[in-house]
Amino acid sequence: MAKRFRNCVGPQVRTLRKKKELTQDQLAARLQLAGLHTFDRVTVAKIESQIRSVYDFELSVLSEVLGVPSDELLPSQRQLKASLDDLMAGGK
């Protein structure tokens, strides 16, 4: 079985979505309009919960739809180092 890496952007996606007062359904609809045609509420929920990995092209579209630079979706270096082992093990 292939090792599954988790995403580190999920919590920030959730924070920004809530800041913009969007539901998961609304964010999914905007992502679909931006080209991520297979995204639905469940996909957004899995990303926010760090269950689903995020591809680089999806990160780009997420940042565009949320109106922030893509690096703003990434955790700080300190936060990343603290959770790196869990992320690599698929625990986060």
C-alpha atoms as a PDB file:
ATOM      1  CA  MET A   1       0.000   0.000   0.000  1.00  0.00           C
ATOM      2  CA  ALA A   2       1.366   3.411  -0.979  1.00  0.00           C
ATOM      3  CA  LYS A   3       2.172   5.845   1.783  1.00  0.00           C
ATOM      4  CA  ARG A   4      -0.426   8.596   1.951  1.00  0.00           C
ATOM      5  CA  PHE A   5       0.831  12.062   2.773  1.00  0.00           C
ATOM      6  CA  ARG A   6      -1.620  14.488   4.310  1.00  0.00           C
ATOM      7  CA  ASN A   7      -2.052  18.136   3.455  1.00  0.00           C
ATOM      8  CA  CYS A   8      -0.928  20.943   5.713  1.00  0.00           C
ATOM      9  CA  VAL A   9      -3.237  23.594   4.218  1.00  0.00           C
ATOM     10  CA  GLY A  10      -6.565  22.243   5.455  1.00  0.00           C
ATOM     11  CA  PRO A  11      -6.827  24.264   8.667  1.00  0.00           C
ATOM     12  CA  GLN A  12      -6.037  27.514   6.841  1.00  0.00           C
ATOM     13  CA  VAL A  13      -8.558  26.708   4.093  1.00  0.00           C
ATOM     14  CA  ARG A  14     -11.209  26.276   6.813  1.00  0.00           C
ATOM     15  CA  THR A  15     -10.184  29.524   8.542  1.00  0.00           C
ATOM     16  CA  LEU A  16     -10.285  31.545   5.320  1.00  0.00           C
ATOM     17  CA  ARG A  17     -13.579  29.982   4.206  1.00  0.00           C
ATOM     18  CA  LYS A  18     -15.213  30.895   7.505  1.00  0.00           C
ATOM     19  CA  LYS A  19     -13.679  34.380   7.421  1.00  0.00           C
ATOM     20  CA  LYS A  20     -15.339  34.902   4.033  1.00  0.00           C
ATOM     21  CA  GLU A  21     -18.584  33.500   5.506  1.00  0.00           C
ATOM     22  CA  LEU A  22     -18.792  30.699   2.950  1.00  0.00           C
ATOM     23  CA  THR A  23     -20.269  27.270   3.542  1.00  0.00           C
ATOM     24  CA  GLN A  24     -18.401  24.221   2.304  1.00  0.00           C
ATOM     25  CA  ASP A  25     -21.028  23.902  -0.453  1.00  0.00           C
ATOM     26  CA  GLN A  26     -20.471  27.507  -1.539  1.00  0.00           C
ATOM     27  CA  LEU A  27     -16.697  27.079  -1.624  1.00  0.00           C
ATOM     28  CA  ALA A  28     -17.071  23.851  -3.601  1.00  0.00           C
ATOM     29  CA  ALA A  29     -19.317  25.623  -6.125  1.00  0.00           C
ATOM     30  CA  ARG A  30     -16.758  28.409  -6.579  1.00  0.00           C
ATOM     31  CA  LEU A  31     -13.982  25.857  -7.013  1.00  0.00           C
ATOM     32  CA  GLN A  32     -16.047  24.052  -9.639  1.00  0.00           C
ATOM     33  CA  LEU A  33     -16.569  27.316 -11.523  1.00  0.00           C
ATOM     34  CA  ALA A  34     -12.807  27.918 -11.332  1.00  0.00           C
ATOM     35  CA  GLY A  35     -12.104  24.568 -13.006  1.00  0.00           C
ATOM     36  CA  LEU A  36     -12.005  21.947 -10.250  1.00  0.00           C
ATOM     37  CA  HIS A  37     -15.113  20.240 -11.658  1.00  0.00           C
ATOM     38  CA  THR A  38     -15.074  17.214  -9.354  1.00  0.00           C
ATOM     39  CA  PHE A  39     -14.971  19.208  -6.104  1.00  0.00           C
ATOM     40  CA  ASP A  40     -18.017  18.959  -3.864  1.00  0.00           C
ATOM     41  CA  ARG A  41     -18.781  19.644  -0.204  1.00  0.00           C
ATOM     42  CA  VAL A  42     -17.303  16.294   0.840  1.00  0.00           C
ATOM     43  CA  THR A  43     -14.022  17.065  -0.946  1.00  0.00           C
ATOM     44  CA  VAL A  44     -13.785  20.444   0.790  1.00  0.00           C
ATOM     45  CA  ALA A  45     -14.551  18.806   4.154  1.00  0.00           C
ATOM     46  CA  LYS A  46     -11.852  16.172   3.598  1.00  0.00           C
ATOM     47  CA  ILE A  47      -9.286  18.844   2.684  1.00  0.00           C
ATOM     48  CA  GLU A  48     -10.158  20.937   5.716  1.00  0.00           C
ATOM     49  CA  SER A  49      -9.910  17.855   7.954  1.00  0.00           C
ATOM     50  CA  GLN A  50      -6.559  16.912   6.374  1.00  0.00           C
ATOM     51  CA  ILE A  51      -7.957  13.587   5.193  1.00  0.00           C
ATOM     52  CA  ARG A  52      -7.422  14.342   1.502  1.00  0.00           C
ATOM     53  CA  SER A  53      -4.147  15.440  -0.034  1.00  0.00           C
ATOM     54  CA  VAL A  54      -4.038  18.617  -2.139  1.00  0.00           C
ATOM     55  CA  TYR A  55      -2.263  18.693  -5.471  1.00  0.00           C
ATOM     56  CA  ASP A  56      -0.199  21.731  -6.418  1.00  0.00           C
ATOM     57  CA  PHE A  57      -2.647  22.822  -9.134  1.00  0.00           C
ATOM     58  CA  GLU A  58      -5.505  22.541  -6.636  1.00  0.00           C
ATOM     59  CA  LEU A  59      -3.559  24.704  -4.181  1.00  0.00           C
ATOM     60  CA  SER A  60      -3.275  27.357  -6.873  1.00  0.00           C
ATOM     61  CA  VAL A  61      -7.022  27.331  -7.562  1.00  0.00           C
ATOM     62  CA  LEU A  62      -7.853  27.275  -3.834  1.00  0.00           C
ATOM     63  CA  SER A  63      -5.707  30.356  -3.249  1.00  0.00           C
ATOM     64  CA  GLU A  64      -7.270  32.154  -6.216  1.00  0.00           C
ATOM     65  CA  VAL A  65     -10.827  31.413  -5.107  1.00  0.00           C
ATOM     66  CA  LEU A  66     -10.067  32.362  -1.487  1.00  0.00           C
ATOM     67  CA  GLY A  67      -8.360  35.551  -2.687  1.00  0.00           C
ATOM     68  CA  VAL A  68      -4.982  34.994  -1.039  1.00  0.00           C
ATOM     69  CA  PRO A  69      -1.467  34.180  -2.261  1.00  0.00           C
ATOM     70  CA  SER A  70      -0.833  30.424  -2.204  1.00  0.00           C
ATOM     71  CA  ASP A  71       1.859  30.781   0.457  1.00  0.00           C
ATOM     72  CA  GLU A  72      -0.788  32.166   2.799  1.00  0.00           C
ATOM     73  CA  LEU A  73      -2.423  28.736   2.796  1.00  0.00           C
ATOM     74  CA  LEU A  74       0.759  27.160   4.148  1.00  0.00           C
ATOM     75  CA  PRO A  75       1.548  26.986   7.854  1.00  0.00           C
ATOM     76  CA  SER A  76       4.478  28.870   9.329  1.00  0.00           C
ATOM     77  CA  GLN A  77       7.838  27.089   9.369  1.00  0.00           C
ATOM     78  CA  ARG A  78       7.501  26.522  13.125  1.00  0.00           C
ATOM     79  CA  GLN A  79       4.035  24.981  12.758  1.00  0.00           C
ATOM     80  CA  LEU A  80       5.175  22.828   9.858  1.00  0.00           C
ATOM     81  CA  LYS A  81       8.233  21.509  11.688  1.00  0.00           C
ATOM     82  CA  ALA A  82       6.080  20.640  14.707  1.00  0.00           C
ATOM     83  CA  SER A  83       3.705  18.507  12.633  1.00  0.00           C
ATOM     84  CA  LEU A  84       6.024  17.276   9.872  1.00  0.00           C
ATOM     85  CA  ASP A  85       6.403  13.729  11.218  1.00  0.00           C
ATOM     86  CA  ASP A  86       2.626  13.330  11.553  1.00  0.00           C
ATOM     87  CA  LEU A  87       2.056  14.742   8.064  1.00  0.00           C
ATOM     88  CA  MET A  88       4.586  12.363   6.521  1.00  0.00           C
ATOM     89  CA  ALA A  89       3.157   9.390   8.399  1.00  0.00           C
ATOM     90  CA  GLY A  90      -0.333  10.261   7.229  1.00  0.00           C
ATOM     91  CA  GLY A  91      -1.445  11.061  10.750  1.00  0.00           C
ATOM     92  CA  LYS A  92      -2.480  14.634  10.006  1.00  0.00           C
END
